[in-house]
Amino acid sequence: MDDLDGADGVALRAAESASAGGTTDTWRGTSRELPVALVDAVRGLPVRRDHSALIVFQHKDLVRCNEILRAAGIPR
């Protein structure tokens, strides 16, 4: 989360994969854009969901992402 400029924004900062052959994707947008972007990203994964990870930096972000995915019918 970054609110330094006063705007409502969400960003996954630079991350890298520790697994051979793994990839990382980053996204930046507003809180309002997050649900569609998150669901689209998870549905578009090129691997099984149990071979993927969602990285968040605060527990409240984990709760929100889980709510978004559950509402979209995507199991944990």
N, C-alpha and C. Protein backbone atom coordinates (compact mmCIF):
# COMPACT_ATOMS: atom_id res chain seq x y z
N MET A 1 0.84 -1.17 0.00
CA MET A 1 0.00 0.00 0.00
C MET A 1 0.89 1.23 0.00
N ASP A 2 0.49 2.22 -0.73
CA ASP A 2 1.27 3.44 -0.81
C ASP A 2 0.31 4.61 -0.86
N ASP A 3 0.36 5.43 0.16
CA ASP A 3 -0.53 6.58 0.21
C ASP A 3 0.28 7.86 0.39
N LEU A 4 1.50 7.86 -0.09
CA LEU A 4 2.38 9.01 0.10
C LEU A 4 1.87 10.26 -0.59
N ASP A 5 1.19 10.10 -1.72
CA ASP A 5 0.70 11.27 -2.45
C ASP A 5 -0.76 11.57 -2.15
N GLY A 6 -1.34 10.84 -1.20
CA GLY A 6 -2.72 11.07 -0.83
C GLY A 6 -3.73 10.32 -1.67
N ALA A 7 -3.28 9.66 -2.74
CA ALA A 7 -4.19 8.91 -3.61
C ALA A 7 -4.38 7.50 -3.07
N ASP A 8 -5.54 6.94 -3.32
CA ASP A 8 -5.84 5.58 -2.93
C ASP A 8 -5.16 4.65 -3.93
N GLY A 9 -4.18 3.90 -3.49
CA GLY A 9 -3.47 3.04 -4.44
C GLY A 9 -3.00 1.76 -3.81
N VAL A 10 -2.82 0.77 -4.64
CA VAL A 10 -2.33 -0.54 -4.22
C VAL A 10 -1.23 -0.92 -5.19
N ALA A 11 -0.14 -1.45 -4.68
CA ALA A 11 0.95 -1.88 -5.56
C ALA A 11 1.68 -3.05 -4.94
N LEU A 12 2.02 -4.01 -5.74
CA LEU A 12 2.91 -5.07 -5.32
C LEU A 12 4.30 -4.63 -5.74
N ARG A 13 5.12 -4.41 -4.77
CA ARG A 13 6.47 -3.95 -5.08
C ARG A 13 7.28 -5.09 -5.67
N ALA A 14 8.48 -4.77 -6.11
CA ALA A 14 9.33 -5.74 -6.78
C ALA A 14 9.44 -7.03 -5.96
N ALA A 15 9.23 -8.13 -6.62
CA ALA A 15 9.36 -9.46 -6.02
C ALA A 15 10.07 -10.34 -7.02
N GLU A 16 10.73 -11.36 -6.52
CA GLU A 16 11.36 -12.30 -7.44
C GLU A 16 11.10 -13.71 -6.98
N SER A 17 11.11 -14.62 -7.91
CA SER A 17 10.84 -16.02 -7.63
C SER A 17 12.10 -16.70 -7.11
N ALA A 18 11.95 -17.50 -6.07
CA ALA A 18 13.07 -18.27 -5.55
C ALA A 18 13.10 -19.66 -6.18
N SER A 19 12.07 -20.03 -6.90
CA SER A 19 11.99 -21.36 -7.52
C SER A 19 12.51 -21.32 -8.94
N ALA A 20 13.24 -22.36 -9.32
CA ALA A 20 13.73 -22.45 -10.70
C ALA A 20 12.53 -22.50 -11.63
N GLY A 21 12.55 -21.67 -12.65
CA GLY A 21 11.45 -21.64 -13.61
C GLY A 21 10.26 -20.83 -13.16
N GLY A 22 10.30 -20.33 -11.95
CA GLY A 22 9.18 -19.54 -11.44
C GLY A 22 9.16 -18.15 -12.05
N THR A 23 8.00 -17.53 -12.04
CA THR A 23 7.87 -16.17 -12.54
C THR A 23 7.11 -15.33 -11.52
N THR A 24 7.26 -14.04 -11.62
CA THR A 24 6.50 -13.13 -10.78
C THR A 24 5.81 -12.10 -11.67
N ASP A 25 4.67 -11.66 -11.23
CA ASP A 25 3.95 -10.58 -11.90
C ASP A 25 3.68 -9.51 -10.87
N THR A 26 3.72 -8.28 -11.28
CA THR A 26 3.40 -7.17 -10.40
C THR A 26 2.21 -6.41 -10.97
N TRP A 27 1.53 -5.70 -10.10
CA TRP A 27 0.36 -4.93 -10.52
C TRP A 27 0.33 -3.66 -9.70
N ARG A 28 -0.14 -2.60 -10.31
CA ARG A 28 -0.33 -1.34 -9.60
C ARG A 28 -1.64 -0.73 -10.08
N GLY A 29 -2.45 -0.29 -9.15
CA GLY A 29 -3.72 0.32 -9.49
C GLY A 29 -4.41 0.82 -8.24
N THR A 30 -5.65 1.21 -8.39
CA THR A 30 -6.41 1.72 -7.25
C THR A 30 -7.11 0.58 -6.53
N SER A 31 -7.56 0.87 -5.33
CA SER A 31 -8.32 -0.12 -4.56
C SER A 31 -9.57 -0.54 -5.31
N ARG A 32 -10.16 0.39 -6.03
CA ARG A 32 -11.38 0.09 -6.80
C ARG A 32 -11.09 -0.89 -7.94
N GLU A 33 -9.89 -0.82 -8.52
CA GLU A 33 -9.50 -1.69 -9.64
C GLU A 33 -9.03 -3.07 -9.19
N LEU A 34 -8.70 -3.20 -7.90
CA LEU A 34 -8.13 -4.45 -7.40
C LEU A 34 -8.99 -5.69 -7.64
N PRO A 35 -10.29 -5.69 -7.33
CA PRO A 35 -11.05 -6.92 -7.50
C PRO A 35 -10.98 -7.51 -8.91
N VAL A 36 -11.19 -6.71 -9.92
CA VAL A 36 -11.16 -7.23 -11.29
C VAL A 36 -9.75 -7.69 -11.66
N ALA A 37 -8.75 -6.89 -11.30
CA ALA A 37 -7.37 -7.24 -11.64
C ALA A 37 -6.94 -8.53 -10.94
N LEU A 38 -7.29 -8.69 -9.68
CA LEU A 38 -6.90 -9.88 -8.93
C LEU A 38 -7.57 -11.13 -9.48
N VAL A 39 -8.87 -11.05 -9.70
CA VAL A 39 -9.60 -12.21 -10.23
C VAL A 39 -9.09 -12.58 -11.62
N ASP A 40 -8.89 -11.60 -12.48
CA ASP A 40 -8.35 -11.87 -13.82
C ASP A 40 -6.98 -12.52 -13.74
N ALA A 41 -6.13 -12.02 -12.84
CA ALA A 41 -4.78 -12.58 -12.72
C ALA A 41 -4.81 -14.02 -12.24
N VAL A 42 -5.64 -14.31 -11.26
CA VAL A 42 -5.71 -15.68 -10.73
C VAL A 42 -6.32 -16.62 -11.77
N ARG A 43 -7.36 -16.19 -12.43
CA ARG A 43 -7.97 -17.05 -13.45
C ARG A 43 -7.04 -17.27 -14.64
N GLY A 44 -6.12 -16.35 -14.88
CA GLY A 44 -5.20 -16.46 -16.00
C GLY A 44 -3.89 -17.13 -15.67
N LEU A 45 -3.75 -17.67 -14.48
CA LEU A 45 -2.49 -18.32 -14.10
C LEU A 45 -2.18 -19.48 -15.04
N PRO A 46 -0.93 -19.59 -15.47
CA PRO A 46 -0.54 -20.69 -16.37
C PRO A 46 -0.20 -21.97 -15.62
N VAL A 47 -0.42 -21.98 -14.30
CA VAL A 47 -0.13 -23.16 -13.48
C VAL A 47 -1.33 -23.45 -12.59
N ARG A 48 -1.31 -24.63 -11.96
CA ARG A 48 -2.35 -24.95 -10.99
C ARG A 48 -2.30 -23.94 -9.85
N ARG A 49 -3.45 -23.62 -9.30
CA ARG A 49 -3.49 -22.63 -8.22
C ARG A 49 -2.70 -23.07 -7.00
N ASP A 50 -2.61 -24.39 -6.75
CA ASP A 50 -1.84 -24.83 -5.59
C ASP A 50 -0.33 -24.77 -5.85
N HIS A 51 0.05 -24.32 -7.02
CA HIS A 51 1.46 -24.10 -7.35
C HIS A 51 1.74 -22.60 -7.51
N SER A 52 0.90 -21.78 -6.89
CA SER A 52 1.04 -20.33 -7.01
C SER A 52 0.99 -19.70 -5.62
N ALA A 53 1.34 -18.44 -5.55
CA ALA A 53 1.30 -17.70 -4.28
C ALA A 53 0.84 -16.28 -4.53
N LEU A 54 0.13 -15.76 -3.58
CA LEU A 54 -0.26 -14.35 -3.58
C LEU A 54 0.47 -13.71 -2.40
N ILE A 55 1.27 -12.72 -2.66
CA ILE A 55 2.06 -12.08 -1.62
C ILE A 55 1.40 -10.76 -1.25
N VAL A 56 1.13 -10.59 0.03
CA VAL A 56 0.60 -9.33 0.55
C VAL A 56 1.51 -8.87 1.68
N PHE A 57 1.45 -7.61 2.01
CA PHE A 57 2.37 -7.07 3.01
C PHE A 57 1.71 -6.77 4.35
N GLN A 58 0.39 -6.78 4.39
CA GLN A 58 -0.32 -6.54 5.64
C GLN A 58 -1.49 -7.52 5.72
N HIS A 59 -1.82 -7.92 6.96
CA HIS A 59 -2.90 -8.88 7.16
C HIS A 59 -4.22 -8.37 6.57
N LYS A 60 -4.49 -7.08 6.69
CA LYS A 60 -5.75 -6.55 6.15
C LYS A 60 -5.83 -6.76 4.64
N ASP A 61 -4.69 -6.75 3.96
CA ASP A 61 -4.69 -6.99 2.51
C ASP A 61 -5.01 -8.45 2.21
N LEU A 62 -4.52 -9.35 3.06
CA LEU A 62 -4.83 -10.77 2.91
C LEU A 62 -6.33 -11.01 3.08
N VAL A 63 -6.90 -10.40 4.09
CA VAL A 63 -8.34 -10.54 4.33
C VAL A 63 -9.13 -10.03 3.13
N ARG A 64 -8.76 -8.87 2.62
CA ARG A 64 -9.48 -8.30 1.47
C ARG A 64 -9.35 -9.18 0.23
N CYS A 65 -8.13 -9.64 -0.05
CA CYS A 65 -7.93 -10.48 -1.24
C CYS A 65 -8.70 -11.78 -1.12
N ASN A 66 -8.71 -12.38 0.07
CA ASN A 66 -9.49 -13.61 0.27
C ASN A 66 -10.97 -13.35 0.03
N GLU A 67 -11.48 -12.23 0.51
CA GLU A 67 -12.89 -11.89 0.29
C GLU A 67 -13.19 -11.72 -1.19
N ILE A 68 -12.30 -11.06 -1.91
CA ILE A 68 -12.48 -10.85 -3.35
C ILE A 68 -12.51 -12.19 -4.08
N LEU A 69 -11.55 -13.05 -3.77
CA LEU A 69 -11.47 -14.35 -4.45
C LEU A 69 -12.66 -15.24 -4.10
N ARG A 70 -13.07 -15.23 -2.84
CA ARG A 70 -14.22 -16.03 -2.42
C ARG A 70 -15.48 -15.57 -3.14
N ALA A 71 -15.68 -14.26 -3.25
CA ALA A 71 -16.85 -13.71 -3.93
C ALA A 71 -16.86 -14.08 -5.41
N ALA A 72 -15.68 -14.29 -5.99
CA ALA A 72 -15.57 -14.67 -7.40
C ALA A 72 -15.65 -16.18 -7.59
N GLY A 73 -15.83 -16.92 -6.49
CA GLY A 73 -15.94 -18.37 -6.59
C GLY A 73 -14.60 -19.07 -6.76
N ILE A 74 -13.52 -18.41 -6.38
CA ILE A 74 -12.19 -19.00 -6.48
C ILE A 74 -11.81 -19.52 -5.10
N PRO A 75 -11.62 -20.83 -4.96
CA PRO A 75 -11.29 -21.39 -3.64
C PRO A 75 -9.87 -21.02 -3.21
N ARG A 76 -9.66 -21.04 -1.91
CA ARG A 76 -8.34 -20.76 -1.36
C ARG A 76 -7.39 -21.89 -1.61
